[in-house]
Amino acid sequence: MTARPDPARPDPVSRPRRKGLFSRLTKARATRPGETYGVPGQGDSLLLSLASIAGILFVWWLVTSMGWIKPLFLPGPGAVARKFLDIWQNGFTNTPFLEHVAVSTARVFGAFLLACLIGIPLGLAMGMSPVIRGIFDPPIEFYRPIPPLAYLPLMIIWFGIGETSKVTLIFLSVLAPVALGARAGVKSAAIEQIHAAYSFGASRWQVMRQVILPAALPEILTAMRIGIGFGWTTLVAAEMVAATEGLGYMVLSASQFLQTSTVIMGIIVIAAIAYAFDLLMRAVERKVVPWKGRM
């Protein structure tokens, strides 16, 4: 005889399964009133980011405190923090720490602003004119994949060992992604919008300013974020030759004397400045192009 199921107890097959932690963390937020479906990827990730940072710091502290890695190769978080306080108070190579930060920041952001002033109009012109694209696309695509260290000697031969060669090297590393991003952004403008603007009597300049440029802004801002990352990456290479100040110089000088805590501290400072600027660019994106990802 088969046992009859007890109606007071729910069937285990039909019982709703309890969702796991991963499912709850990766679940998109509930749709707001007026929304049909949730946008993929939207939702607040601040708590997960803080947990990720805390996890990395814990693993770092664990492997160093347990002696699994020698302090010469990876000093602990406490040693790096003490080195940061020491350099903050006493400077590095008789130069205040904030002066190193200011010099490197001026080099990177000076080159970045120059690359934006030249690269954004150039990229828009390349996207709109086949003549401009035919002239400038080959040289940009030619030098873009070349590592900055490869043409660093050429910059020194042409411009010497002063600030010009350093800023030019960073400028070239930022120019290509900014220009190509602006060029790709031109294709984001719908041809229907362009035809509608011309049908209402808009001039070519008005179409450029009121239709193409707003459509290209998301791509341009993304390219600027990528470009500033290349700028900070190139900073260390730019400060390799005849530099006496800067974060890159500090990292390179400390590595020659096996001051690993100083090297890691300099890397963290560079990453913190770059990340802060990236957060600023994200805030600018939310204000300038609030429609990004919603169309």
Protein backbone atom coordinates (compact mmCIF):
# COMPACT_ATOMS: atom_id res chain seq x y z
CA MET A 1 0.00 0.00 0.00
CA THR A 2 1.26 3.43 -0.89
CA ALA A 3 1.15 6.12 1.73
CA ARG A 4 -1.20 8.97 0.99
CA PRO A 5 0.38 12.42 1.15
CA ASP A 6 -0.52 14.44 4.18
CA PRO A 7 -2.48 17.53 3.02
CA ALA A 8 -1.21 19.47 6.03
CA ARG A 9 2.40 19.19 4.82
CA PRO A 10 3.37 20.90 1.56
CA ASP A 11 4.83 18.81 -1.22
CA PRO A 12 8.65 19.17 -1.15
CA VAL A 13 8.69 19.32 -4.95
CA SER A 14 6.29 22.24 -5.09
CA ARG A 15 7.86 23.99 -2.09
CA PRO A 16 9.53 27.24 -3.21
CA ARG A 17 13.27 27.01 -2.94
CA ARG A 18 15.09 29.53 -0.78
CA LYS A 19 17.33 31.70 -2.93
CA GLY A 20 21.02 31.56 -2.27
CA LEU A 21 23.30 34.46 -1.40
CA PHE A 22 24.69 34.74 -4.94
CA SER A 23 21.21 34.92 -6.44
CA ARG A 24 20.22 37.71 -4.05
CA LEU A 25 23.40 39.69 -4.74
CA THR A 26 23.12 39.41 -8.53
CA LYS A 27 19.39 40.09 -8.69
CA ALA A 28 18.48 43.34 -10.40
CA ARG A 29 16.50 45.85 -8.43
CA ALA A 30 12.73 45.90 -8.71
CA THR A 31 11.29 48.00 -11.48
CA ARG A 32 10.09 51.45 -10.58
CA PRO A 33 6.63 52.77 -11.41
CA GLY A 34 6.45 53.43 -15.14
CA GLU A 35 9.20 50.94 -16.00
CA THR A 36 8.35 47.79 -17.89
CA TYR A 37 11.57 45.86 -17.34
CA GLY A 38 14.61 46.46 -15.20
CA VAL A 39 17.73 47.68 -17.00
CA PRO A 40 20.50 45.03 -16.91
CA GLY A 41 23.32 45.95 -14.58
CA GLN A 42 21.54 48.71 -12.72
CA GLY A 43 21.56 48.80 -8.96
CA ASP A 44 23.75 49.99 -6.12
CA SER A 45 27.06 48.12 -5.76
CA LEU A 46 28.65 50.28 -3.04
CA LEU A 47 28.40 47.65 -0.31
CA LEU A 48 29.87 44.98 -2.56
CA SER A 49 32.73 47.31 -3.50
CA LEU A 50 33.50 48.04 0.15
CA ALA A 51 33.37 44.33 0.93
CA SER A 52 35.71 43.61 -1.97
CA ILE A 53 38.25 46.17 -0.71
CA ALA A 54 37.97 44.81 2.83
CA GLY A 55 38.52 41.28 1.53
CA ILE A 56 41.64 42.29 -0.39
CA LEU A 57 43.06 44.06 2.66
CA PHE A 58 42.30 41.04 4.85
CA VAL A 59 44.05 38.63 2.48
CA TRP A 60 46.99 41.03 2.23
CA TRP A 61 47.23 41.24 6.03
CA LEU A 62 46.86 37.49 6.41
CA VAL A 63 49.61 36.42 4.02
CA THR A 64 52.04 38.96 5.46
CA SER A 65 51.26 38.41 9.14
CA MET A 66 51.53 34.63 8.73
CA GLY A 67 54.94 35.03 7.10
CA TRP A 68 53.93 33.31 3.85
CA ILE A 69 55.59 36.13 1.88
CA LYS A 70 58.73 37.89 3.04
CA PRO A 71 58.40 41.63 3.86
CA LEU A 72 61.07 42.38 1.26
CA PHE A 73 58.67 41.28 -1.47
CA LEU A 74 55.33 42.27 0.13
CA PRO A 75 55.27 44.35 3.32
CA GLY A 76 52.11 44.34 5.37
CA PRO A 77 49.40 47.01 5.27
CA GLY A 78 50.68 48.45 8.54
CA ALA A 79 54.19 48.90 7.16
CA VAL A 80 52.85 50.65 4.06
CA ALA A 81 50.67 52.92 6.21
CA ARG A 82 53.64 53.82 8.42
CA LYS A 83 55.74 54.57 5.34
CA PHE A 84 52.98 56.82 3.99
CA LEU A 85 52.90 58.79 7.26
CA ASP A 86 56.70 59.04 7.26
CA ILE A 87 56.85 60.38 3.69
CA TRP A 88 53.88 62.68 4.38
CA GLN A 89 55.77 64.24 7.29
CA ASN A 90 59.37 64.12 6.05
CA GLY A 91 59.01 64.00 2.28
CA PHE A 92 60.99 61.90 -0.19
CA THR A 93 64.50 62.85 -1.36
CA ASN A 94 64.20 66.23 0.40
CA THR A 95 60.99 67.03 -1.47
CA PRO A 96 57.58 67.27 0.25
CA PHE A 97 55.16 64.51 -0.59
CA LEU A 98 52.45 66.90 -1.77
CA GLU A 99 54.92 68.43 -4.20
CA HIS A 100 55.51 65.01 -5.76
CA VAL A 101 51.74 64.60 -6.07
CA ALA A 102 51.28 68.08 -7.54
CA VAL A 103 54.03 67.62 -10.13
CA SER A 104 52.70 64.28 -11.38
CA THR A 105 49.10 65.52 -11.37
CA ALA A 106 50.08 68.61 -13.37
CA ARG A 107 51.89 66.49 -15.94
CA VAL A 108 49.06 64.00 -16.39
CA PHE A 109 46.14 66.44 -16.38
CA GLY A 110 48.01 69.01 -18.48
CA ALA A 111 48.61 66.39 -21.15
CA PHE A 112 45.04 65.11 -20.72
CA LEU A 113 43.48 68.54 -21.27
CA LEU A 114 45.67 69.13 -24.31
CA ALA A 115 44.72 65.74 -25.74
CA CYS A 116 41.01 66.49 -25.21
CA LEU A 117 41.27 69.93 -26.83
CA ILE A 118 42.89 68.38 -29.90
CA GLY A 119 41.53 64.84 -29.91
CA ILE A 120 37.80 65.50 -29.50
CA PRO A 121 37.48 67.96 -32.43
CA LEU A 122 39.80 65.76 -34.49
CA GLY A 123 37.75 62.66 -33.76
CA LEU A 124 34.48 64.41 -34.60
CA ALA A 125 35.99 65.67 -37.85
CA MET A 126 37.23 62.16 -38.68
CA GLY A 127 33.75 60.79 -38.08
CA MET A 128 32.08 63.37 -40.30
CA SER A 129 34.61 63.85 -43.12
CA PRO A 130 36.15 61.02 -45.14
CA VAL A 131 38.95 63.40 -46.16
CA ILE A 132 39.97 64.09 -42.55
CA ARG A 133 39.56 60.42 -41.72
CA GLY A 134 41.76 59.38 -44.61
CA ILE A 135 44.50 61.81 -43.55
CA PHE A 136 44.64 61.24 -39.79
CA ASP A 137 43.40 57.67 -39.35
CA PRO A 138 46.62 55.94 -40.59
CA PRO A 139 49.08 57.78 -38.31
CA ILE A 140 46.83 57.41 -35.24
CA GLU A 141 46.25 53.72 -35.85
CA PHE A 142 49.98 53.28 -36.57
CA TYR A 143 51.31 54.66 -33.30
CA ARG A 144 48.37 53.70 -31.05
CA PRO A 145 49.47 50.09 -30.30
CA ILE A 146 53.12 51.07 -29.78
CA PRO A 147 54.12 51.06 -26.08
CA PRO A 148 55.19 54.51 -24.81
CA LEU A 149 58.58 53.12 -23.76
CA ALA A 150 59.26 52.39 -27.44
CA TYR A 151 59.13 56.02 -28.51
CA LEU A 152 60.39 57.52 -25.24
CA PRO A 153 63.98 57.74 -26.62
CA LEU A 154 62.62 59.55 -29.67
CA MET A 155 60.84 62.09 -27.46
CA ILE A 156 64.10 62.71 -25.59
CA ILE A 157 66.02 63.18 -28.86
CA TRP A 158 63.44 65.59 -30.20
CA PHE A 159 62.47 67.54 -27.08
CA GLY A 160 65.30 66.94 -24.61
CA ILE A 161 64.99 65.74 -21.01
CA GLY A 162 62.78 68.57 -19.74
CA GLU A 163 59.04 68.76 -19.14
CA THR A 164 58.20 68.92 -22.85
CA SER A 165 59.22 65.33 -23.54
CA LYS A 166 57.35 64.04 -20.49
CA VAL A 167 54.12 65.89 -21.25
CA THR A 168 54.34 64.97 -24.95
CA LEU A 169 54.74 61.29 -24.11
CA ILE A 170 51.63 61.34 -21.88
CA PHE A 171 49.77 63.44 -24.47
CA LEU A 172 50.36 60.87 -27.21
CA SER A 173 49.14 58.03 -24.99
CA VAL A 174 45.88 59.90 -24.28
CA LEU A 175 45.28 61.36 -27.75
CA ALA A 176 44.55 58.11 -29.59
CA PRO A 177 41.74 56.75 -27.36
CA VAL A 178 40.10 60.18 -27.07
CA ALA A 179 40.15 60.80 -30.83
CA LEU A 180 38.94 57.30 -31.70
CA GLY A 181 36.21 57.52 -29.07
CA ALA A 182 34.94 60.80 -30.50
CA ARG A 183 35.06 59.32 -33.99
CA ALA A 184 33.02 56.29 -32.88
CA GLY A 185 30.56 58.58 -31.11
CA VAL A 186 29.61 60.28 -34.37
CA LYS A 187 28.04 57.02 -35.55
CA SER A 188 25.74 57.06 -32.51
CA ALA A 189 23.65 59.82 -34.08
CA ALA A 190 20.56 58.37 -35.77
CA ILE A 191 20.29 59.22 -39.45
CA GLU A 192 16.60 59.99 -38.92
CA GLN A 193 17.50 62.75 -36.46
CA ILE A 194 20.01 64.22 -38.87
CA HIS A 195 17.52 64.19 -41.75
CA ALA A 196 14.84 65.73 -39.53
CA ALA A 197 17.21 68.55 -38.54
CA TYR A 198 18.08 69.27 -42.16
CA SER A 199 14.38 69.21 -43.12
CA PHE A 200 13.73 71.95 -40.54
CA GLY A 201 16.38 74.12 -42.14
CA ALA A 202 19.31 73.45 -39.80
CA SER A 203 22.77 74.23 -41.08
CA ARG A 204 25.64 71.75 -41.01
CA TRP A 205 27.08 73.45 -37.93
CA GLN A 206 23.72 73.32 -36.13
CA VAL A 207 23.36 69.63 -36.93
CA MET A 208 26.85 69.07 -35.60
CA ARG A 209 26.27 71.02 -32.39
CA GLN A 210 22.69 70.02 -31.59
CA VAL A 211 22.38 66.48 -32.98
CA ILE A 212 25.74 64.78 -33.51
CA LEU A 213 27.62 66.16 -30.49
CA PRO A 214 24.94 65.20 -27.90
CA ALA A 215 24.73 61.73 -29.44
CA ALA A 216 28.51 61.35 -29.32
CA LEU A 217 28.91 62.60 -25.73
CA PRO A 218 28.56 59.16 -24.05
CA GLU A 219 31.32 57.72 -26.25
CA ILE A 220 33.48 60.81 -25.73
CA LEU A 221 33.18 60.69 -21.93
CA THR A 222 33.98 56.98 -21.91
CA ALA A 223 37.02 57.63 -24.11
CA MET A 224 38.15 60.36 -21.72
CA ARG A 225 37.96 57.93 -18.80
CA ILE A 226 40.03 55.41 -20.76
CA GLY A 227 42.47 58.08 -21.88
CA ILE A 228 43.22 59.36 -18.37
CA GLY A 229 43.97 55.76 -17.39
CA PHE A 230 46.54 55.53 -20.18
CA GLY A 231 47.94 58.86 -18.98
CA TRP A 232 48.61 57.57 -15.47
CA THR A 233 50.04 54.36 -16.93
CA THR A 234 52.49 56.36 -19.03
CA LEU A 235 53.45 58.63 -16.12
CA VAL A 236 55.99 56.17 -14.72
CA ALA A 237 57.63 55.84 -18.14
CA ALA A 238 57.67 59.61 -18.58
CA GLU A 239 59.39 60.12 -15.23
CA MET A 240 62.07 57.51 -15.87
CA VAL A 241 64.49 59.98 -17.44
CA ALA A 242 66.01 63.00 -15.66
CA ALA A 243 63.10 63.42 -13.24
CA THR A 244 63.68 64.61 -9.69
CA GLU A 245 60.03 64.95 -8.64
CA GLY A 246 56.81 63.06 -9.13
CA LEU A 247 55.10 59.89 -8.01
CA GLY A 248 56.59 57.85 -10.84
CA TYR A 249 60.06 59.07 -9.93
CA MET A 250 59.41 58.16 -6.30
CA VAL A 251 58.33 54.61 -7.23
CA LEU A 252 61.29 54.07 -9.55
CA SER A 253 63.83 55.48 -7.09
CA ALA A 254 62.48 53.39 -4.23
CA SER A 255 62.60 50.23 -6.35
CA GLN A 256 66.32 50.71 -6.96
CA PHE A 257 66.95 50.54 -3.20
CA LEU A 258 64.41 47.71 -2.58
CA GLN A 259 62.12 50.00 -0.57
CA THR A 260 59.07 47.89 -1.34
CA SER A 261 56.80 49.70 1.11
CA THR A 262 57.48 53.00 -0.69
CA VAL A 263 56.84 51.38 -4.05
CA ILE A 264 53.49 49.97 -2.94
CA MET A 265 52.55 53.24 -1.27
CA GLY A 266 53.27 55.17 -4.48
CA ILE A 267 51.25 52.70 -6.53
CA ILE A 268 48.30 53.04 -4.15
CA VAL A 269 48.46 56.85 -4.30
CA ILE A 270 48.51 56.82 -8.11
CA ALA A 271 45.58 54.39 -8.18
CA ALA A 272 43.64 56.48 -5.64
CA ILE A 273 44.04 59.69 -7.64
CA ALA A 274 43.07 57.95 -10.89
CA TYR A 275 40.06 56.30 -9.23
CA ALA A 276 38.91 59.60 -7.73
CA PHE A 277 39.00 61.20 -11.18
CA ASP A 278 37.09 58.25 -12.62
CA LEU A 279 34.38 58.72 -9.98
CA LEU A 280 34.26 62.40 -10.94
CA MET A 281 33.83 61.47 -14.60
CA ARG A 282 31.01 59.09 -13.69
CA ALA A 283 29.25 61.91 -11.86
CA VAL A 284 29.72 64.15 -14.92
CA GLU A 285 28.23 61.40 -17.09
CA ARG A 286 25.15 61.19 -14.89
CA LYS A 287 24.65 64.95 -15.15
CA VAL A 288 25.59 65.56 -18.80
CA VAL A 289 24.23 62.38 -20.43
CA PRO A 290 21.46 61.13 -18.10
CA TRP A 291 19.92 59.21 -21.00
CA LYS A 292 22.95 56.89 -21.35
CA GLY A 293 21.88 53.25 -21.06
CA ARG A 294 18.17 54.14 -21.10
CA MET A 295 17.56 54.39 -24.83
